[in-house]
Amino acid sequence: MAKETRGIKASMIELTEAQVKKEVEDHLKLLMKSGRLWYVRLNAGVFGRHHN
């Protein structure tokens, strides 16, 4: 029996790794600009603080 979704059809969105990284980076920059987050760049497993 199919799981009840209450009329909402679940769908998968396929994104490349580069698209995901860009969206995450853009979101973190937005949070930083709003003063809610120090921007931490997560790139290739290297963690570093950037103060612009």
Protein backbone atom coordinates (compact mmCIF):
# COMPACT_ATOMS: atom_id res chain seq x y z
CA MET A 1 0.00 0.00 0.00
CA ALA A 2 1.33 3.45 -0.93
CA LYS A 3 2.20 5.90 1.82
CA GLU A 4 -0.33 8.70 2.31
CA THR A 5 1.07 12.06 1.16
CA ARG A 6 -2.10 14.12 1.75
CA GLY A 7 -2.32 15.27 -1.85
CA ILE A 8 1.29 16.44 -2.08
CA LYS A 9 3.36 14.68 -4.69
CA ALA A 10 6.94 14.19 -3.53
CA SER A 11 9.54 14.78 -6.21
CA MET A 12 13.30 14.62 -6.45
CA ILE A 13 15.30 17.53 -7.82
CA GLU A 14 18.59 16.52 -9.37
CA LEU A 15 21.41 18.98 -8.75
CA THR A 16 25.09 18.79 -9.54
CA GLU A 17 27.62 19.03 -6.72
CA ALA A 18 28.66 22.47 -8.01
CA GLN A 19 25.04 23.70 -7.89
CA VAL A 20 24.64 22.46 -4.33
CA LYS A 21 27.90 24.11 -3.21
CA LYS A 22 26.87 27.43 -4.81
CA GLU A 23 23.43 27.40 -3.18
CA VAL A 24 24.88 26.56 0.24
CA GLU A 25 27.52 29.29 -0.11
CA ASP A 26 24.91 31.85 -1.19
CA HIS A 27 22.70 30.91 1.77
CA LEU A 28 25.59 31.21 4.24
CA LYS A 29 26.52 34.63 2.79
CA LEU A 30 22.93 35.78 3.25
CA LEU A 31 22.95 34.64 6.88
CA MET A 32 26.28 36.38 7.44
CA LYS A 33 25.00 39.65 5.97
CA SER A 34 21.98 39.47 8.27
CA GLY A 35 24.34 39.15 11.24
CA ARG A 36 23.10 35.69 12.19
CA LEU A 37 26.15 33.70 11.18
CA TRP A 38 29.88 34.08 10.82
CA TYR A 39 30.64 32.93 7.32
CA VAL A 40 32.48 29.64 7.35
CA ARG A 41 33.54 28.32 3.98
CA LEU A 42 33.23 24.58 3.60
CA ASN A 43 35.31 23.70 0.60
CA ALA A 44 37.15 20.42 0.05
CA GLY A 45 36.99 19.67 3.77
CA VAL A 46 38.91 22.82 4.72
CA PHE A 47 37.31 24.98 7.38
CA GLY A 48 38.34 28.62 7.50
CA ARG A 49 36.89 31.91 8.67
CA HIS A 50 36.73 34.76 6.20
CA HIS A 51 36.27 38.28 7.52
CA ASN A 52 35.36 40.63 4.69
